Protein backbone atom coordinates (compact mmCIF):
# COMPACT_ATOMS: atom_id res chain seq x y z
CA UNK A 1 33.13 -4.73 -25.12
CA UNK A 2 33.76 -6.36 -21.89
CA UNK A 3 33.52 -10.17 -21.70
CA UNK A 4 30.68 -11.90 -19.70
CA UNK A 5 32.11 -13.88 -16.92
CA UNK A 6 30.93 -17.47 -16.04
CA UNK A 7 31.88 -19.17 -12.71
CA UNK A 8 32.64 -22.82 -13.04
CA UNK A 9 32.80 -24.85 -9.93
CA UNK A 10 34.81 -28.09 -9.99
CA UNK A 11 37.17 -26.40 -12.75
CA UNK A 12 39.92 -28.80 -12.10
CA UNK A 13 38.03 -31.99 -12.98
CA UNK A 14 37.52 -33.80 -16.36
CA UNK A 15 34.58 -31.94 -17.65
CA UNK A 16 35.71 -28.59 -15.97
CA UNK A 17 38.85 -28.24 -17.58
CA UNK A 18 37.57 -29.00 -21.03
CA UNK A 19 34.70 -26.97 -20.71
CA UNK A 20 36.48 -23.87 -19.29
CA UNK A 21 38.72 -23.96 -22.48
CA UNK A 22 35.73 -24.30 -24.79
CA UNK A 23 33.89 -21.43 -23.29
CA UNK A 24 37.09 -19.09 -23.30
CA UNK A 25 37.41 -19.79 -26.97
CA UNK A 26 33.84 -18.55 -27.37
CA UNK A 27 34.51 -15.27 -25.94
CA UNK A 28 33.74 -15.76 -22.16
CA UNK A 29 35.90 -14.97 -19.25
CA UNK A 30 36.04 -17.96 -16.89
CA UNK A 31 36.26 -17.68 -13.18
CA UNK A 32 37.32 -21.09 -11.71
CA UNK A 33 36.45 -22.53 -8.46
CA UNK A 34 37.83 -25.70 -7.30
CA UNK A 35 39.22 -27.23 -3.78
CA UNK A 36 42.26 -28.46 -6.08
CA UNK A 37 43.08 -25.22 -7.66
CA UNK A 38 46.69 -24.44 -7.63
CA UNK A 39 46.11 -20.68 -7.28
CA UNK A 40 44.97 -19.45 -3.98
CA UNK A 41 42.82 -16.91 -5.73
CA UNK A 42 40.64 -19.91 -7.06
CA UNK A 43 40.88 -22.19 -4.28
CA UNK A 44 37.27 -22.59 -2.70
CA UNK A 45 34.65 -25.08 -1.52
CA UNK A 46 30.97 -24.54 -2.44
CA UNK A 47 30.10 -25.70 1.06
CA UNK A 48 31.60 -22.26 2.22
CA UNK A 49 29.00 -19.70 1.35
CA UNK A 50 31.26 -16.62 1.85
CA UNK A 51 33.41 -18.19 -0.72
CA UNK A 52 30.54 -18.83 -3.16
CA UNK A 53 29.11 -15.38 -2.79
CA UNK A 54 32.69 -13.81 -3.33
CA UNK A 55 33.30 -16.06 -6.38
CA UNK A 56 29.90 -15.30 -8.04
CA UNK A 57 30.25 -11.67 -7.77
CA UNK A 58 30.20 -10.20 -11.11
CA UNK A 59 29.22 -13.12 -13.03
CA UNK A 60 26.35 -13.73 -15.52
CA UNK A 61 26.15 -17.45 -14.80
CA UNK A 62 27.37 -20.51 -13.00
CA UNK A 63 28.05 -23.90 -14.14
CA UNK A 64 28.07 -26.12 -11.08
CA UNK A 65 30.20 -29.07 -11.46
CA UNK A 66 31.73 -29.34 -8.05
CA UNK A 67 30.58 -32.47 -6.36
CA UNK A 68 31.69 -35.84 -4.71
CA UNK A 69 31.28 -37.28 -8.02
CA UNK A 70 31.80 -41.12 -7.70
CA UNK A 71 29.06 -43.61 -6.65
CA UNK A 72 31.62 -45.43 -4.68
CA UNK A 73 32.71 -42.26 -2.66
CA UNK A 74 29.13 -41.76 -1.73
CA UNK A 75 28.71 -45.16 -0.43
CA UNK A 76 32.00 -44.79 1.53
CA UNK A 77 31.12 -41.54 3.24
CA UNK A 78 27.37 -40.80 2.83
CA UNK A 79 27.57 -37.37 4.99
CA UNK A 80 30.37 -35.84 3.05
CA UNK A 81 28.49 -36.99 -0.29
CA UNK A 82 25.20 -35.14 1.00
CA UNK A 83 26.79 -32.32 2.61
CA UNK A 84 28.74 -31.63 -0.47
CA UNK A 85 26.54 -32.17 -3.19
CA UNK A 86 23.41 -30.90 -1.76
CA UNK A 87 24.80 -28.24 0.75
CA UNK A 88 27.12 -26.95 -2.26
CA UNK A 89 23.90 -26.66 -4.51
CA UNK A 90 22.25 -24.86 -1.97
CA UNK A 91 24.76 -22.21 -1.43
CA UNK A 92 25.19 -21.67 -5.17
CA UNK A 93 21.51 -21.14 -5.50
CA UNK A 94 21.32 -19.03 -2.28
CA UNK A 95 24.23 -16.82 -3.69
CA UNK A 96 22.36 -16.50 -6.96
CA UNK A 97 19.24 -15.47 -5.39
CA UNK A 98 20.81 -12.85 -3.13
CA UNK A 99 22.90 -11.48 -5.93
CA UNK A 100 21.98 -8.03 -7.48
CA UNK A 101 22.39 -9.60 -11.02
CA UNK A 102 20.58 -13.07 -10.19
CA UNK A 103 22.97 -15.07 -12.33
CA UNK A 104 21.86 -18.22 -14.10
CA UNK A 105 22.68 -21.72 -12.67
CA UNK A 106 23.49 -24.61 -14.86
CA UNK A 107 23.40 -27.96 -12.39
CA UNK A 108 25.62 -31.09 -13.51
CA UNK A 109 23.49 -33.83 -12.71
CA UNK A 110 23.92 -37.67 -13.57
CA UNK A 111 21.82 -40.49 -15.27
CA UNK A 112 22.28 -42.02 -11.87
CA UNK A 113 19.09 -40.24 -10.68
CA UNK A 114 16.90 -42.59 -12.86
CA UNK A 115 18.39 -45.69 -10.95
CA UNK A 116 17.45 -49.10 -12.74
CA UNK A 117 15.00 -48.06 -15.67
CA UNK A 118 12.10 -50.04 -16.57
CA UNK A 119 12.34 -49.34 -20.22
CA UNK A 120 15.41 -48.37 -22.63
CA UNK A 121 16.08 -46.11 -23.98
CA UNK A 122 15.47 -43.73 -21.05
CA UNK A 123 14.07 -40.24 -21.51
CA UNK A 124 14.57 -37.31 -19.40
CA UNK A 125 10.84 -37.73 -18.13
CA UNK A 126 11.72 -41.31 -16.51
CA UNK A 127 10.84 -41.78 -13.11
CA UNK A 128 13.52 -40.66 -10.55
CA UNK A 129 14.44 -43.70 -8.66
CA UNK A 130 17.84 -43.22 -7.02
CA UNK A 131 19.82 -46.44 -5.99
CA UNK A 132 22.70 -45.08 -4.22
CA UNK A 133 23.83 -42.03 -1.78
CA UNK A 134 25.26 -40.31 -4.82
CA UNK A 135 22.13 -40.35 -6.99
CA UNK A 136 19.97 -39.47 -4.00
CA UNK A 137 22.24 -36.44 -3.44
CA UNK A 138 21.73 -35.36 -7.04
CA UNK A 139 18.00 -35.85 -6.95
CA UNK A 140 17.92 -33.70 -3.80
CA UNK A 141 20.30 -31.08 -5.63
CA UNK A 142 17.63 -31.02 -8.85
CA UNK A 143 14.84 -30.37 -6.51
CA UNK A 144 16.78 -27.35 -5.04
CA UNK A 145 17.07 -26.11 -8.55
CA UNK A 146 13.23 -26.10 -8.83
CA UNK A 147 12.85 -24.00 -5.88
CA UNK A 148 15.49 -21.54 -7.22
CA UNK A 149 13.45 -21.24 -10.51
CA UNK A 150 10.21 -20.30 -8.29
CA UNK A 151 12.33 -17.83 -6.75
CA UNK A 152 13.15 -15.89 -10.22
CA UNK A 153 16.45 -17.82 -11.19
CA UNK A 154 16.99 -18.97 -14.79
CA UNK A 155 18.01 -22.66 -14.04
CA UNK A 156 18.96 -25.74 -16.27
CA UNK A 157 19.89 -29.23 -15.40
CA UNK A 158 22.18 -31.33 -17.50
CA UNK A 159 22.39 -35.10 -16.76
CA UNK A 160 25.78 -36.67 -17.72
CA UNK A 161 26.37 -40.36 -18.62
CA UNK A 162 29.81 -42.17 -18.15
CA UNK A 163 31.87 -39.24 -19.56
CA UNK A 164 35.43 -40.16 -20.45
CA UNK A 165 38.15 -38.76 -22.55
CA UNK A 166 41.06 -37.42 -20.55
CA UNK A 167 44.23 -38.63 -18.83
CA UNK A 168 43.02 -36.12 -16.03
CA UNK A 169 40.14 -38.52 -15.04
CA UNK A 170 40.04 -40.56 -12.04
CA UNK A 171 42.20 -43.46 -12.56
CA UNK A 172 39.89 -45.95 -10.82
CA UNK A 173 36.99 -45.25 -13.31
CA UNK A 174 36.19 -48.13 -15.59
CA UNK A 175 37.37 -46.58 -18.84
CA UNK A 176 40.62 -44.91 -17.67
CA UNK A 177 41.29 -48.41 -15.45
CA UNK A 178 40.95 -50.31 -18.53
CA UNK A 179 43.18 -48.38 -20.75
CA UNK A 180 45.84 -48.15 -18.29
CA UNK A 181 45.71 -51.85 -17.90
CA UNK A 182 45.76 -52.50 -21.59
CA UNK A 183 48.82 -50.16 -22.02
CA UNK A 184 50.60 -51.83 -19.01
CA UNK A 185 49.82 -55.43 -20.00
CA UNK A 186 47.79 -56.33 -16.81
CA UNK A 187 44.58 -57.88 -16.12
CA UNK A 188 41.13 -55.99 -16.72
CA UNK A 189 38.78 -56.35 -13.75
CA UNK A 190 34.86 -56.50 -14.65
CA UNK A 191 32.53 -55.88 -12.05
CA UNK A 192 29.53 -57.21 -13.46
CA UNK A 193 30.78 -58.11 -17.05
CA UNK A 194 27.19 -57.83 -18.63
CA UNK A 195 26.40 -54.46 -17.09
CA UNK A 196 26.04 -51.84 -19.86
CA UNK A 197 26.33 -48.01 -19.95
CA UNK A 198 26.10 -45.15 -22.42
CA UNK A 199 29.47 -43.92 -22.49
CA UNK A 200 29.88 -40.28 -23.67
CA UNK A 201 33.13 -38.49 -24.80
CA UNK A 202 33.92 -35.26 -22.92
CA UNK A 203 34.11 -33.36 -26.15
CA UNK A 204 30.41 -33.94 -26.97
CA UNK A 205 29.53 -33.26 -23.34
CA UNK A 206 31.22 -29.58 -23.46
CA UNK A 207 29.71 -29.05 -26.92
CA UNK A 208 26.45 -29.81 -25.27
CA UNK A 209 26.93 -27.54 -22.21
CA UNK A 210 28.16 -24.71 -24.45
CA UNK A 211 24.69 -24.97 -26.56
CA UNK A 212 22.84 -24.94 -23.11
CA UNK A 213 24.61 -21.82 -21.88
CA UNK A 214 23.72 -20.03 -25.23
CA UNK A 215 20.00 -20.77 -24.23
CA UNK A 216 20.03 -19.54 -20.69
CA UNK A 217 22.05 -16.57 -21.94
CA UNK A 218 19.27 -15.85 -24.42
CA UNK A 219 16.94 -15.75 -21.55
CA UNK A 220 15.28 -19.21 -21.55
CA UNK A 221 14.05 -19.65 -18.07
CA UNK A 222 11.76 -22.63 -18.43
CA UNK A 223 14.32 -25.45 -19.64
CA UNK A 224 13.51 -28.79 -19.19
CA UNK A 225 16.22 -31.13 -17.80
CA UNK A 226 18.21 -32.82 -20.47
CA UNK A 227 20.77 -35.55 -20.56
CA UNK A 228 23.66 -35.77 -23.03
CA UNK A 229 23.81 -39.41 -24.21
CA UNK A 230 24.87 -41.39 -27.42
CA UNK A 231 21.80 -43.55 -27.34
CA UNK A 232 23.93 -46.81 -27.60
CA UNK A 233 24.90 -49.01 -24.64
CA UNK A 234 28.00 -50.92 -24.38
CA UNK A 235 28.53 -53.95 -21.78
CA UNK A 236 31.74 -53.81 -19.75
CA UNK A 237 32.59 -57.08 -21.53
CA UNK A 238 32.11 -55.16 -25.02
CA UNK A 239 34.33 -52.16 -23.58
CA UNK A 240 37.12 -54.83 -22.63
CA UNK A 241 37.26 -56.44 -25.92
CA UNK A 242 37.24 -53.12 -27.63
CA UNK A 243 40.12 -51.83 -25.73
CA UNK A 244 42.29 -54.95 -25.85
CA UNK A 245 41.69 -54.87 -29.68
CA UNK A 246 42.92 -51.22 -29.74
CA UNK A 247 45.96 -52.04 -27.57
CA UNK A 248 46.83 -55.21 -29.79
CA UNK A 249 46.92 -57.77 -27.17
CA UNK A 250 44.80 -60.33 -25.13
CA UNK A 251 44.74 -59.92 -21.35
CA UNK A 252 43.30 -61.82 -18.53
CA UNK A 253 39.89 -60.72 -17.28
CA UNK A 254 39.00 -60.85 -13.54
CA UNK A 255 35.24 -61.17 -13.01
CA UNK A 256 34.01 -59.66 -9.82
CA UNK A 257 30.50 -59.61 -8.90
CA UNK A 258 28.54 -56.30 -9.46
CA UNK A 259 27.89 -53.97 -6.44
CA UNK A 260 24.44 -53.87 -5.12
CA UNK A 261 24.11 -50.17 -5.24
CA UNK A 262 25.06 -50.04 -9.21
CA UNK A 263 22.78 -49.57 -12.00
CA UNK A 264 22.94 -52.55 -14.13
CA UNK A 265 21.90 -51.13 -17.69
CA UNK A 266 21.57 -47.69 -19.06
CA UNK A 267 21.07 -46.47 -22.48
CA UNK A 268 19.81 -42.92 -23.06
CA UNK A 269 17.35 -41.41 -25.54
CA UNK A 270 19.04 -38.53 -27.04
CA UNK A 271 16.12 -36.88 -28.86
CA UNK A 272 15.50 -34.12 -26.39
CA UNK A 273 18.92 -32.68 -26.74
CA UNK A 274 18.81 -32.90 -30.72
CA UNK A 275 15.69 -31.00 -30.39
CA UNK A 276 16.68 -28.32 -27.69
CA UNK A 277 20.31 -28.02 -28.39
CA UNK A 278 20.57 -29.26 -31.96
CA UNK A 279 23.11 -31.76 -30.43
CA UNK A 280 24.11 -35.22 -31.31
CA UNK A 281 27.22 -37.26 -30.23
CA UNK A 282 29.79 -37.25 -32.81
CA UNK A 283 32.59 -39.30 -31.11
CA UNK A 284 32.21 -43.02 -31.32
CA UNK A 285 33.50 -45.20 -28.46
CA UNK A 286 36.17 -46.59 -30.72
CA UNK A 287 37.25 -43.03 -31.76
CA UNK A 288 37.41 -41.73 -28.35
CA UNK A 289 39.23 -44.89 -26.89
CA UNK A 290 41.89 -44.47 -29.63
CA UNK A 291 42.25 -40.92 -28.72
CA UNK A 292 42.44 -41.45 -25.15
CA UNK A 293 44.76 -44.44 -25.47
CA UNK A 294 47.09 -42.20 -27.46
CA UNK A 295 47.04 -39.57 -24.90
CA UNK A 296 47.86 -41.91 -22.21
CA UNK A 297 51.00 -43.14 -24.08
CA UNK A 298 52.25 -39.80 -24.60
CA UNK A 299 51.62 -39.19 -20.81
CA UNK A 300 53.55 -42.19 -19.98
CA UNK A 301 56.35 -41.19 -22.26
CA UNK A 302 56.50 -37.50 -21.29
CA UNK A 303 54.75 -37.14 -17.80
CA UNK A 304 53.72 -33.65 -16.97
């Protein structure tokens, strides 16, 4: 029997690489699309509609991860962030609508869409109050998904929260930066020491997305947005202390003011994912950091 093909945009990123591997083991053929892909065959930008249409041909669905994915990058270049995140999503959905097979679309969104929540833990039904350009782009992309659903496309939105767990991650994100500093014996910089977030391991995330794919593959067409969260918030000060403990040394902390466009606290409510996907986070922050530090040590000893 011929395997179903899933297009993964942003396939070279932290989540994309892990997700492609997981879905391949579950029997799907994976078609990657990324501007950084080493193979010309799979290089492409979602802002290029002909490229998207060609990539989507013959696919049963698409998981749209490609984006300007950092809050800081969005603030530094708002036009590029909106063009990529909103324009790319628009192209994915247009290609799906115009396709003879009308593949389903899963959009990767973010807990940033909630902005600074009034109440913790945050449910998926909390108001969307974006505080920065990146969050605004994700809210706009989510609205486009609603229009596509009205046009007959099976759509689903999954919101991620501070995903970590790979040496391939952006080195300036907080966990990779802390881990590298701990291994190199340098200072840890805290931009808002009491800011607290719900850190989610990439293995848990891809397991949740896999469960979501199964639902849309079964024909579910009115799925509510779901976030994949642990339900536990950790301050940056607590994170730094844990990283230093695991690294076996005390390091200087550089305290810097928080950025005005950053959310100060987030803790997600995991109950919808538990009900909808039978999903719960399994990797504790301590366990995830231990594994990540071991992986970083190995990569420093034997670089790729």
